[in-house]
Amino acid sequence: MENLLKLKENFTKQGILMSFNGSFSHSIIEEIGSAIRKYLEAEQLERGVISDVFSVYIEQTQNIRNYFKKKETITGEYSKAIVTIAQKDGHYRISSGNTILKEDVASLSAHIDRLNSLDKTQLKALYKEQLRKPIDPDSNSAGLGLIDIARKAALKLEYQFQNQDDEFDFFNLFVTVKGV
């Protein structure tokens, strides 16, 4: 990249505090998470805000990592993802994007739409219900990630799918967390 100044100006204009583009290993998720927590603590934000931003970041990146581990057909450039954290108008926006198989779009969209249809009380009940369910041995998680993200979000989850080719779409998830 020859013009880092333009990239920096674009980040500043959009309020982007942090961005990572690449493959998400466990250690990268931890290191970036630690840096995010330290940055937010240095800004002297309320503990609840720090916790929500950190938790949403962790859930989003772990969801990406777990998806790629489960879908071994996604390799090369398609196995890279992006996450950004931005601050604007007193809120934090944690955005992530990753390649998914087209066959997974409908179920993921339906799941997010269902979460968006619930209020905070219903999300809490769904979370508790999911906790009580036995963990699927074929799954890498207990299925709590998106539910927990929706619980911490100040607004409904925003998402979109962008066509990459005949087999893959790019999934974008935007989560707004209350800042102050």
N, C-alpha and C. Protein backbone atom coordinates (compact mmCIF):
# COMPACT_ATOMS: atom_id res chain seq x y z
N MET A 1 0.86 -1.18 0.00
CA MET A 1 0.00 0.00 0.00
C MET A 1 0.89 1.22 0.00
N GLU A 2 0.75 2.01 -1.01
CA GLU A 2 1.57 3.20 -1.16
C GLU A 2 1.05 4.39 -0.38
N ASN A 3 -0.27 4.46 -0.19
CA ASN A 3 -0.81 5.68 0.39
C ASN A 3 -1.47 5.42 1.74
N LEU A 4 -0.65 5.29 2.77
CA LEU A 4 -1.18 5.07 4.11
C LEU A 4 -1.89 6.30 4.64
N LEU A 5 -1.50 7.48 4.17
CA LEU A 5 -2.16 8.69 4.63
C LEU A 5 -3.64 8.66 4.25
N LYS A 6 -3.96 8.25 3.03
CA LYS A 6 -5.37 8.15 2.61
C LYS A 6 -6.12 7.13 3.45
N LEU A 7 -5.47 6.00 3.74
CA LEU A 7 -6.09 4.98 4.58
C LEU A 7 -6.35 5.55 5.97
N LYS A 8 -5.37 6.23 6.54
CA LYS A 8 -5.52 6.85 7.86
C LYS A 8 -6.64 7.87 7.85
N GLU A 9 -6.70 8.71 6.84
CA GLU A 9 -7.76 9.72 6.74
C GLU A 9 -9.13 9.07 6.63
N ASN A 10 -9.23 7.99 5.88
CA ASN A 10 -10.49 7.26 5.74
C ASN A 10 -10.90 6.66 7.08
N PHE A 11 -9.96 6.06 7.79
CA PHE A 11 -10.24 5.51 9.12
C PHE A 11 -10.73 6.61 10.05
N THR A 12 -10.04 7.74 10.06
CA THR A 12 -10.42 8.85 10.94
C THR A 12 -11.81 9.35 10.59
N LYS A 13 -12.10 9.51 9.32
CA LYS A 13 -13.42 9.98 8.87
C LYS A 13 -14.53 9.04 9.34
N GLN A 14 -14.26 7.74 9.34
CA GLN A 14 -15.26 6.75 9.75
C GLN A 14 -15.22 6.44 11.25
N GLY A 15 -14.29 7.05 11.97
CA GLY A 15 -14.18 6.82 13.41
C GLY A 15 -13.57 5.48 13.77
N ILE A 16 -12.85 4.87 12.85
CA ILE A 16 -12.27 3.55 13.10
C ILE A 16 -11.08 3.66 14.04
N LEU A 17 -11.18 2.94 15.15
CA LEU A 17 -10.12 2.92 16.15
C LEU A 17 -9.15 1.77 15.91
N MET A 18 -9.69 0.66 15.39
CA MET A 18 -8.90 -0.55 15.20
C MET A 18 -9.46 -1.33 14.02
N SER A 19 -8.55 -1.92 13.26
CA SER A 19 -8.96 -2.78 12.16
C SER A 19 -7.95 -3.91 12.02
N PHE A 20 -8.46 -5.09 11.75
CA PHE A 20 -7.58 -6.23 11.46
C PHE A 20 -8.15 -6.95 10.25
N ASN A 21 -7.26 -7.26 9.31
CA ASN A 21 -7.64 -7.98 8.11
C ASN A 21 -6.66 -9.14 7.94
N GLY A 22 -7.19 -10.36 7.96
CA GLY A 22 -6.31 -11.51 7.81
C GLY A 22 -6.94 -12.75 8.40
N SER A 23 -6.11 -13.72 8.73
CA SER A 23 -6.58 -14.97 9.33
C SER A 23 -6.64 -14.83 10.84
N PHE A 24 -7.72 -15.32 11.44
CA PHE A 24 -7.91 -15.21 12.88
C PHE A 24 -7.45 -16.48 13.59
N SER A 25 -6.29 -16.41 14.19
CA SER A 25 -5.84 -17.51 15.04
C SER A 25 -6.27 -17.18 16.47
N HIS A 26 -6.21 -18.17 17.33
CA HIS A 26 -6.57 -17.96 18.73
C HIS A 26 -5.69 -16.87 19.34
N SER A 27 -4.39 -16.90 19.06
CA SER A 27 -3.47 -15.92 19.65
C SER A 27 -3.72 -14.51 19.12
N ILE A 28 -4.07 -14.38 17.85
CA ILE A 28 -4.37 -13.05 17.30
C ILE A 28 -5.63 -12.49 17.95
N ILE A 29 -6.65 -13.31 18.09
CA ILE A 29 -7.88 -12.87 18.75
C ILE A 29 -7.57 -12.37 20.15
N GLU A 30 -6.76 -13.12 20.90
CA GLU A 30 -6.40 -12.74 22.26
C GLU A 30 -5.59 -11.45 22.31
N GLU A 31 -4.58 -11.34 21.45
CA GLU A 31 -3.71 -10.16 21.46
C GLU A 31 -4.48 -8.89 21.09
N ILE A 32 -5.28 -8.96 20.06
CA ILE A 32 -6.07 -7.79 19.67
C ILE A 32 -7.09 -7.48 20.76
N GLY A 33 -7.70 -8.50 21.32
CA GLY A 33 -8.65 -8.29 22.42
C GLY A 33 -8.01 -7.59 23.60
N SER A 34 -6.80 -7.99 23.95
CA SER A 34 -6.07 -7.36 25.04
C SER A 34 -5.78 -5.89 24.72
N ALA A 35 -5.37 -5.62 23.50
CA ALA A 35 -5.10 -4.24 23.09
C ALA A 35 -6.37 -3.39 23.13
N ILE A 36 -7.48 -3.96 22.70
CA ILE A 36 -8.76 -3.23 22.73
C ILE A 36 -9.13 -2.89 24.17
N ARG A 37 -9.04 -3.87 25.04
CA ARG A 37 -9.38 -3.64 26.45
C ARG A 37 -8.50 -2.54 27.05
N LYS A 38 -7.20 -2.59 26.80
CA LYS A 38 -6.28 -1.57 27.33
C LYS A 38 -6.60 -0.19 26.77
N TYR A 39 -6.91 -0.13 25.48
CA TYR A 39 -7.25 1.15 24.86
C TYR A 39 -8.51 1.74 25.52
N LEU A 40 -9.54 0.93 25.66
CA LEU A 40 -10.79 1.41 26.24
C LEU A 40 -10.62 1.79 27.71
N GLU A 41 -9.80 1.05 28.45
CA GLU A 41 -9.52 1.41 29.84
C GLU A 41 -8.78 2.74 29.92
N ALA A 42 -7.84 2.97 29.00
CA ALA A 42 -7.10 4.23 28.96
C ALA A 42 -8.03 5.41 28.66
N GLU A 43 -9.11 5.14 27.94
CA GLU A 43 -10.11 6.17 27.64
C GLU A 43 -11.02 6.42 28.84
N GLN A 44 -10.83 5.64 29.90
CA GLN A 44 -11.57 5.75 31.16
C GLN A 44 -13.08 5.60 30.95
N LEU A 45 -13.43 4.61 30.16
CA LEU A 45 -14.84 4.31 29.92
C LEU A 45 -15.40 3.49 31.07
N GLU A 46 -16.71 3.49 31.18
CA GLU A 46 -17.37 2.67 32.20
C GLU A 46 -17.05 1.20 31.95
N ARG A 47 -16.98 0.45 33.04
CA ARG A 47 -16.67 -0.98 32.92
C ARG A 47 -17.65 -1.72 32.02
N GLY A 48 -18.92 -1.37 32.12
CA GLY A 48 -19.94 -2.03 31.30
C GLY A 48 -19.71 -1.83 29.81
N VAL A 49 -19.30 -0.62 29.44
CA VAL A 49 -19.02 -0.33 28.03
C VAL A 49 -17.81 -1.14 27.56
N ILE A 50 -16.76 -1.13 28.37
CA ILE A 50 -15.55 -1.89 28.03
C ILE A 50 -15.90 -3.37 27.86
N SER A 51 -16.66 -3.88 28.80
CA SER A 51 -17.04 -5.30 28.77
C SER A 51 -17.87 -5.63 27.53
N ASP A 52 -18.83 -4.78 27.20
CA ASP A 52 -19.69 -5.04 26.04
C ASP A 52 -18.90 -5.00 24.73
N VAL A 53 -18.06 -3.98 24.55
CA VAL A 53 -17.27 -3.87 23.32
C VAL A 53 -16.34 -5.08 23.20
N PHE A 54 -15.65 -5.39 24.29
CA PHE A 54 -14.72 -6.52 24.31
C PHE A 54 -15.44 -7.83 24.02
N SER A 55 -16.57 -8.05 24.69
CA SER A 55 -17.32 -9.30 24.51
C SER A 55 -17.83 -9.47 23.09
N VAL A 56 -18.36 -8.40 22.51
CA VAL A 56 -18.86 -8.48 21.14
C VAL A 56 -17.71 -8.77 20.17
N TYR A 57 -16.57 -8.09 20.37
CA TYR A 57 -15.40 -8.36 19.53
C TYR A 57 -15.01 -9.85 19.62
N ILE A 58 -14.90 -10.36 20.85
CA ILE A 58 -14.50 -11.75 21.05
C ILE A 58 -15.49 -12.70 20.38
N GLU A 59 -16.79 -12.48 20.59
CA GLU A 59 -17.80 -13.36 20.00
C GLU A 59 -17.73 -13.34 18.47
N GLN A 60 -17.62 -12.13 17.89
CA GLN A 60 -17.58 -12.04 16.43
C GLN A 60 -16.36 -12.77 15.87
N THR A 61 -15.20 -12.54 16.46
CA THR A 61 -13.99 -13.16 15.91
C THR A 61 -13.97 -14.67 16.16
N GLN A 62 -14.48 -15.11 17.30
CA GLN A 62 -14.54 -16.55 17.55
C GLN A 62 -15.55 -17.22 16.62
N ASN A 63 -16.66 -16.55 16.33
CA ASN A 63 -17.63 -17.09 15.37
C ASN A 63 -16.96 -17.30 14.01
N ILE A 64 -16.18 -16.32 13.59
CA ILE A 64 -15.47 -16.43 12.31
C ILE A 64 -14.49 -17.60 12.35
N ARG A 65 -13.68 -17.64 13.38
CA ARG A 65 -12.67 -18.70 13.52
C ARG A 65 -13.34 -20.08 13.54
N ASN A 66 -14.40 -20.22 14.32
CA ASN A 66 -15.09 -21.51 14.41
C ASN A 66 -15.72 -21.91 13.08
N TYR A 67 -16.28 -20.93 12.36
CA TYR A 67 -16.89 -21.22 11.07
C TYR A 67 -15.84 -21.76 10.10
N PHE A 68 -14.69 -21.09 10.04
CA PHE A 68 -13.64 -21.53 9.13
C PHE A 68 -13.09 -22.90 9.51
N LYS A 69 -13.03 -23.20 10.81
CA LYS A 69 -12.56 -24.52 11.24
C LYS A 69 -13.53 -25.60 10.79
N LYS A 70 -14.82 -25.28 10.84
CA LYS A 70 -15.86 -26.24 10.47
C LYS A 70 -15.96 -26.41 8.95
N LYS A 71 -15.71 -25.35 8.22
CA LYS A 71 -15.86 -25.36 6.75
C LYS A 71 -14.48 -25.38 6.11
N GLU A 72 -13.89 -26.54 6.06
CA GLU A 72 -12.52 -26.68 5.58
C GLU A 72 -12.36 -26.37 4.09
N THR A 73 -13.47 -26.23 3.37
CA THR A 73 -13.39 -25.93 1.94
C THR A 73 -13.07 -24.45 1.69
N ILE A 74 -13.17 -23.63 2.73
CA ILE A 74 -12.86 -22.21 2.57
C ILE A 74 -11.37 -22.02 2.86
N THR A 75 -10.61 -21.76 1.80
CA THR A 75 -9.15 -21.66 1.94
C THR A 75 -8.63 -20.43 1.21
N GLY A 76 -7.34 -20.22 1.32
CA GLY A 76 -6.68 -19.13 0.61
C GLY A 76 -7.22 -17.78 1.00
N GLU A 77 -7.38 -16.93 0.02
CA GLU A 77 -7.85 -15.55 0.27
C GLU A 77 -9.23 -15.54 0.92
N TYR A 78 -10.05 -16.53 0.61
CA TYR A 78 -11.40 -16.58 1.19
C TYR A 78 -11.38 -16.91 2.68
N SER A 79 -10.27 -17.42 3.18
CA SER A 79 -10.20 -17.76 4.60
C SER A 79 -9.77 -16.58 5.47
N LYS A 80 -9.62 -15.43 4.86
CA LYS A 80 -9.26 -14.22 5.60
C LYS A 80 -10.52 -13.43 5.90
N ALA A 81 -10.49 -12.73 7.01
CA ALA A 81 -11.67 -11.97 7.45
C ALA A 81 -11.22 -10.59 7.90
N ILE A 82 -12.19 -9.76 8.24
CA ILE A 82 -11.89 -8.41 8.71
C ILE A 82 -12.76 -8.09 9.92
N VAL A 83 -12.21 -7.34 10.83
CA VAL A 83 -12.97 -6.81 11.96
C VAL A 83 -12.51 -5.38 12.19
N THR A 84 -13.47 -4.50 12.47
CA THR A 84 -13.14 -3.12 12.82
C THR A 84 -13.94 -2.72 14.05
N ILE A 85 -13.37 -1.78 14.78
CA ILE A 85 -14.09 -1.15 15.89
C ILE A 85 -14.02 0.34 15.65
N ALA A 86 -15.19 0.95 15.62
CA ALA A 86 -15.28 2.39 15.37
C ALA A 86 -16.06 3.06 16.50
N GLN A 87 -15.80 4.34 16.67
CA GLN A 87 -16.54 5.13 17.65
C GLN A 87 -17.16 6.30 16.91
N LYS A 88 -18.47 6.44 17.10
CA LYS A 88 -19.18 7.53 16.44
C LYS A 88 -20.44 7.85 17.21
N ASP A 89 -20.69 9.12 17.40
CA ASP A 89 -21.92 9.59 18.04
C ASP A 89 -22.17 8.93 19.39
N GLY A 90 -21.11 8.74 20.18
CA GLY A 90 -21.26 8.19 21.52
C GLY A 90 -21.48 6.69 21.57
N HIS A 91 -21.36 6.01 20.45
CA HIS A 91 -21.52 4.56 20.41
C HIS A 91 -20.27 3.92 19.82
N TYR A 92 -20.14 2.64 20.05
CA TYR A 92 -19.08 1.85 19.42
C TYR A 92 -19.75 0.90 18.44
N ARG A 93 -19.10 0.74 17.29
CA ARG A 93 -19.63 -0.14 16.25
C ARG A 93 -18.56 -1.18 15.95
N ILE A 94 -18.89 -2.42 16.24
CA ILE A 94 -17.99 -3.53 15.97
C ILE A 94 -18.51 -4.22 14.71
N SER A 95 -17.68 -4.21 13.68
CA SER A 95 -18.08 -4.76 12.38
C SER A 95 -17.15 -5.90 12.02
N SER A 96 -17.72 -6.93 11.43
CA SER A 96 -16.88 -8.04 10.98
C SER A 96 -17.38 -8.52 9.63
N GLY A 97 -16.46 -9.11 8.89
CA GLY A 97 -16.82 -9.65 7.58
C GLY A 97 -16.01 -10.89 7.28
N ASN A 98 -16.68 -11.89 6.75
CA ASN A 98 -15.99 -13.12 6.37
C ASN A 98 -16.76 -13.85 5.28
N THR A 99 -16.04 -14.67 4.56
CA THR A 99 -16.62 -15.48 3.50
C THR A 99 -17.42 -16.62 4.11
N ILE A 100 -18.60 -16.87 3.55
CA ILE A 100 -19.40 -18.02 3.96
C ILE A 100 -19.92 -18.73 2.70
N LEU A 101 -20.27 -19.97 2.87
CA LEU A 101 -20.86 -20.72 1.77
C LEU A 101 -22.27 -20.21 1.51
N LYS A 102 -22.65 -20.10 0.25
CA LYS A 102 -23.99 -19.64 -0.10
C LYS A 102 -25.07 -20.50 0.56
N GLU A 103 -24.79 -21.79 0.73
CA GLU A 103 -25.78 -22.69 1.33
C GLU A 103 -26.07 -22.34 2.79
N ASP A 104 -25.23 -21.53 3.43
CA ASP A 104 -25.44 -21.15 4.83
C ASP A 104 -26.14 -19.79 4.99
N VAL A 105 -26.33 -19.08 3.90
CA VAL A 105 -26.91 -17.73 3.96
C VAL A 105 -28.32 -17.73 4.53
N ALA A 106 -29.18 -18.59 4.04
CA ALA A 106 -30.59 -18.59 4.47
C ALA A 106 -30.73 -18.86 5.96
N SER A 107 -30.02 -19.86 6.48
CA SER A 107 -30.16 -20.19 7.91
C SER A 107 -29.56 -19.10 8.79
N LEU A 108 -28.44 -18.51 8.37
CA LEU A 108 -27.83 -17.43 9.15
C LEU A 108 -28.73 -16.20 9.15
N SER A 109 -29.27 -15.87 8.01
CA SER A 109 -30.18 -14.73 7.89
C SER A 109 -31.42 -14.94 8.76
N ALA A 110 -31.99 -16.13 8.72
CA ALA A 110 -33.18 -16.43 9.54
C ALA A 110 -32.86 -16.34 11.03
N HIS A 111 -31.69 -16.81 11.42
CA HIS A 111 -31.29 -16.76 12.83
C HIS A 111 -31.16 -15.31 13.30
N ILE A 112 -30.49 -14.48 12.52
CA ILE A 112 -30.33 -13.07 12.91
C ILE A 112 -31.67 -12.36 12.92
N ASP A 113 -32.51 -12.62 11.92
CA ASP A 113 -33.84 -12.01 11.89
C ASP A 113 -34.65 -12.40 13.12
N ARG A 114 -34.54 -13.66 13.52
CA ARG A 114 -35.25 -14.11 14.72
C ARG A 114 -34.74 -13.36 15.95
N LEU A 115 -33.43 -13.24 16.09
CA LEU A 115 -32.86 -12.51 17.23
C LEU A 115 -33.32 -11.06 17.22
N ASN A 116 -33.35 -10.45 16.04
CA ASN A 116 -33.78 -9.05 15.93
C ASN A 116 -35.25 -8.86 16.27
N SER A 117 -36.04 -9.92 16.20
CA SER A 117 -37.47 -9.82 16.50
C SER A 117 -37.75 -9.90 18.01
N LEU A 118 -36.73 -10.25 18.79
CA LEU A 118 -36.91 -10.42 20.23
C LEU A 118 -36.50 -9.17 21.00
N ASP A 119 -37.16 -8.94 22.14
CA ASP A 119 -36.73 -7.85 23.01
C ASP A 119 -35.67 -8.39 23.97
N LYS A 120 -35.13 -7.52 24.83
CA LYS A 120 -34.03 -7.91 25.73
C LYS A 120 -34.44 -9.03 26.68
N THR A 121 -35.67 -9.00 27.17
CA THR A 121 -36.15 -10.05 28.08
C THR A 121 -36.22 -11.39 27.36
N GLN A 122 -36.73 -11.38 26.14
CA GLN A 122 -36.83 -12.61 25.35
C GLN A 122 -35.44 -13.14 24.97
N LEU A 123 -34.51 -12.23 24.68
CA LEU A 123 -33.14 -12.66 24.37
C LEU A 123 -32.49 -13.32 25.58
N LYS A 124 -32.73 -12.76 26.75
CA LYS A 124 -32.19 -13.35 27.98
C LYS A 124 -32.75 -14.76 28.20
N ALA A 125 -34.05 -14.91 27.99
CA ALA A 125 -34.69 -16.22 28.14
C ALA A 125 -34.13 -17.22 27.12
N LEU A 126 -33.96 -16.78 25.88
CA LEU A 126 -33.40 -17.65 24.85
C LEU A 126 -31.97 -18.06 25.21
N TYR A 127 -31.20 -17.13 25.73
CA TYR A 127 -29.83 -17.41 26.15
C TYR A 127 -29.81 -18.50 27.23
N LYS A 128 -30.68 -18.34 28.23
CA LYS A 128 -30.75 -19.33 29.32
C LYS A 128 -31.21 -20.69 28.79
N GLU A 129 -32.17 -20.67 27.88
CA GLU A 129 -32.65 -21.92 27.27
C GLU A 129 -31.52 -22.62 26.51
N GLN A 130 -30.76 -21.86 25.77
CA GLN A 130 -29.64 -22.42 24.99
C GLN A 130 -28.56 -22.99 25.91
N LEU A 131 -28.35 -22.33 27.05
CA LEU A 131 -27.37 -22.81 28.03
C LEU A 131 -27.72 -24.20 28.56
N ARG A 132 -29.01 -24.45 28.70
CA ARG A 132 -29.48 -25.73 29.26
C ARG A 132 -29.44 -26.88 28.24
N LYS A 133 -29.36 -26.54 26.97
CA LYS A 133 -29.34 -27.59 25.94
C LYS A 133 -28.00 -28.30 25.92
N PRO A 134 -28.02 -29.60 25.61
CA PRO A 134 -26.73 -30.31 25.46
C PRO A 134 -25.98 -29.77 24.24
N ILE A 135 -24.67 -29.72 24.36
CA ILE A 135 -23.84 -29.22 23.26
C ILE A 135 -23.75 -30.28 22.17
N ASP A 136 -23.99 -29.86 20.95
CA ASP A 136 -23.89 -30.74 19.79
C ASP A 136 -22.42 -31.14 19.60
N PRO A 137 -22.11 -32.43 19.60
CA PRO A 137 -20.71 -32.86 19.46
C PRO A 137 -20.10 -32.46 18.12
N ASP A 138 -20.93 -32.23 17.10
CA ASP A 138 -20.42 -31.83 15.79
C ASP A 138 -20.19 -30.33 15.69
N SER A 139 -20.54 -29.60 16.73
CA SER A 139 -20.42 -28.15 16.72
C SER A 139 -19.19 -27.73 17.53
N ASN A 140 -18.68 -26.54 17.22
CA ASN A 140 -17.54 -25.99 17.97
C ASN A 140 -17.99 -25.09 19.10
N SER A 141 -19.29 -24.95 19.31
CA SER A 141 -19.76 -24.01 20.33
C SER A 141 -21.10 -24.46 20.89
N ALA A 142 -21.55 -23.70 21.88
CA ALA A 142 -22.85 -23.98 22.49
C ALA A 142 -23.97 -23.22 21.79
N GLY A 143 -23.65 -22.45 20.74
CA GLY A 143 -24.67 -21.71 20.00
C GLY A 143 -25.11 -20.43 20.68
N LEU A 144 -24.26 -19.90 21.56
CA LEU A 144 -24.62 -18.71 22.32
C LEU A 144 -24.10 -17.41 21.71
N GLY A 145 -23.15 -17.49 20.79
CA GLY A 145 -22.45 -16.32 20.28
C GLY A 145 -23.34 -15.19 19.79
N LEU A 146 -24.16 -15.45 18.78
CA LEU A 146 -25.01 -14.40 18.23
C LEU A 146 -26.08 -13.96 19.22
N ILE A 147 -26.55 -14.88 20.05
CA ILE A 147 -27.55 -14.50 21.07
C ILE A 147 -26.92 -13.51 22.03
N ASP A 148 -25.70 -13.80 22.48
CA ASP A 148 -25.01 -12.91 23.42
C ASP A 148 -24.71 -11.56 22.77
N ILE A 149 -24.32 -11.57 21.51
CA ILE A 149 -24.07 -10.32 20.79
C ILE A 149 -25.35 -9.49 20.75
N ALA A 150 -26.48 -10.11 20.41
CA ALA A 150 -27.76 -9.39 20.34
C ALA A 150 -28.15 -8.83 21.71
N ARG A 151 -27.83 -9.55 22.78
CA ARG A 151 -28.14 -9.08 24.14
C ARG A 151 -27.35 -7.82 24.48
N LYS A 152 -26.11 -7.74 24.01
CA LYS A 152 -25.24 -6.61 24.35
C LYS A 152 -25.43 -5.41 23.42
N ALA A 153 -26.04 -5.64 22.28
CA ALA A 153 -26.21 -4.58 21.28
C ALA A 153 -27.22 -3.54 21.73
N ALA A 154 -26.90 -2.28 21.44
CA ALA A 154 -27.82 -1.18 21.75
C ALA A 154 -28.91 -1.06 20.68
N LEU A 155 -28.62 -1.53 19.49
CA LEU A 155 -29.56 -1.50 18.36
C LEU A 155 -29.68 -2.91 17.79
N LYS A 156 -30.63 -3.11 16.92
CA LYS A 156 -30.78 -4.40 16.24
C LYS A 156 -29.51 -4.71 15.45
N LEU A 157 -29.21 -5.99 15.30
CA LEU A 157 -28.05 -6.39 14.52
C LEU A 157 -28.29 -6.05 13.05
N GLU A 158 -27.28 -5.48 12.43
CA GLU A 158 -27.36 -5.18 11.00
C GLU A 158 -26.45 -6.17 10.27
N TYR A 159 -26.88 -6.59 9.10
CA TYR A 159 -26.05 -7.53 8.34
C TYR A 159 -26.36 -7.41 6.86
N GLN A 160 -25.43 -7.92 6.08
CA GLN A 160 -25.65 -8.01 4.64
C GLN A 160 -24.75 -9.10 4.08
N PHE A 161 -25.15 -9.60 2.93
CA PHE A 161 -24.37 -10.60 2.21
C PHE A 161 -24.02 -10.01 0.86
N GLN A 162 -22.75 -10.17 0.47
CA GLN A 162 -22.30 -9.70 -0.83
C GLN A 162 -21.79 -10.90 -1.63
N ASN A 163 -22.20 -10.96 -2.87
CA ASN A 163 -21.80 -12.06 -3.74
C ASN A 163 -20.30 -12.03 -3.99
N GLN A 164 -19.65 -13.18 -3.84
CA GLN A 164 -18.24 -13.29 -4.20
C GLN A 164 -18.07 -14.11 -5.48
N ASP A 165 -18.78 -15.22 -5.55
CA ASP A 165 -18.77 -16.05 -6.76
C ASP A 165 -19.93 -17.03 -6.66
N ASP A 166 -19.93 -18.07 -7.46
CA ASP A 166 -21.05 -19.02 -7.48
C ASP A 166 -21.20 -19.82 -6.19
N GLU A 167 -20.13 -19.94 -5.42
CA GLU A 167 -20.15 -20.78 -4.23
C GLU A 167 -20.16 -19.99 -2.92
N PHE A 168 -19.62 -18.76 -2.94
CA PHE A 168 -19.41 -18.02 -1.71
C PHE A 168 -20.03 -16.63 -1.71
N ASP A 169 -20.44 -16.21 -0.51
CA ASP A 169 -20.86 -14.83 -0.25
C ASP A 169 -19.97 -14.27 0.84
N PHE A 170 -19.94 -12.96 0.95
CA PHE A 170 -19.21 -12.29 2.02
C PHE A 170 -20.24 -11.77 3.01
N PHE A 171 -20.15 -12.24 4.25
CA PHE A 171 -21.10 -11.90 5.31
C PHE A 171 -20.55 -10.73 6.12
N ASN A 172 -21.34 -9.66 6.21
CA ASN A 172 -20.99 -8.48 7.00
C ASN A 172 -21.93 -8.40 8.19
N LEU A 173 -21.39 -8.25 9.39
CA LEU A 173 -22.19 -8.09 10.60
C LEU A 173 -21.77 -6.81 11.30
N PHE A 174 -22.77 -5.96 11.60
CA PHE A 174 -22.52 -4.67 12.24
C PHE A 174 -23.27 -4.62 13.56
N VAL A 175 -22.52 -4.40 14.64
CA VAL A 175 -23.11 -4.40 15.98
C VAL A 175 -22.80 -3.06 16.64
N THR A 176 -23.84 -2.38 17.11
CA THR A 176 -23.67 -1.10 17.80
C THR A 176 -23.84 -1.33 19.29
N VAL A 177 -22.85 -0.86 20.05
CA VAL A 177 -22.84 -0.98 21.51
C VAL A 177 -22.88 0.43 22.10
N LYS A 178 -23.69 0.60 23.12
CA LYS A 178 -23.80 1.90 23.78
C LYS A 178 -22.43 2.32 24.31
N GLY A 179 -22.07 3.58 24.06
CA GLY A 179 -20.75 4.06 24.44
C GLY A 179 -20.68 4.77 25.77
N VAL A 180 -21.63 5.59 26.09
CA VAL A 180 -21.58 6.34 27.36
C VAL A 180 -22.93 6.38 28.02
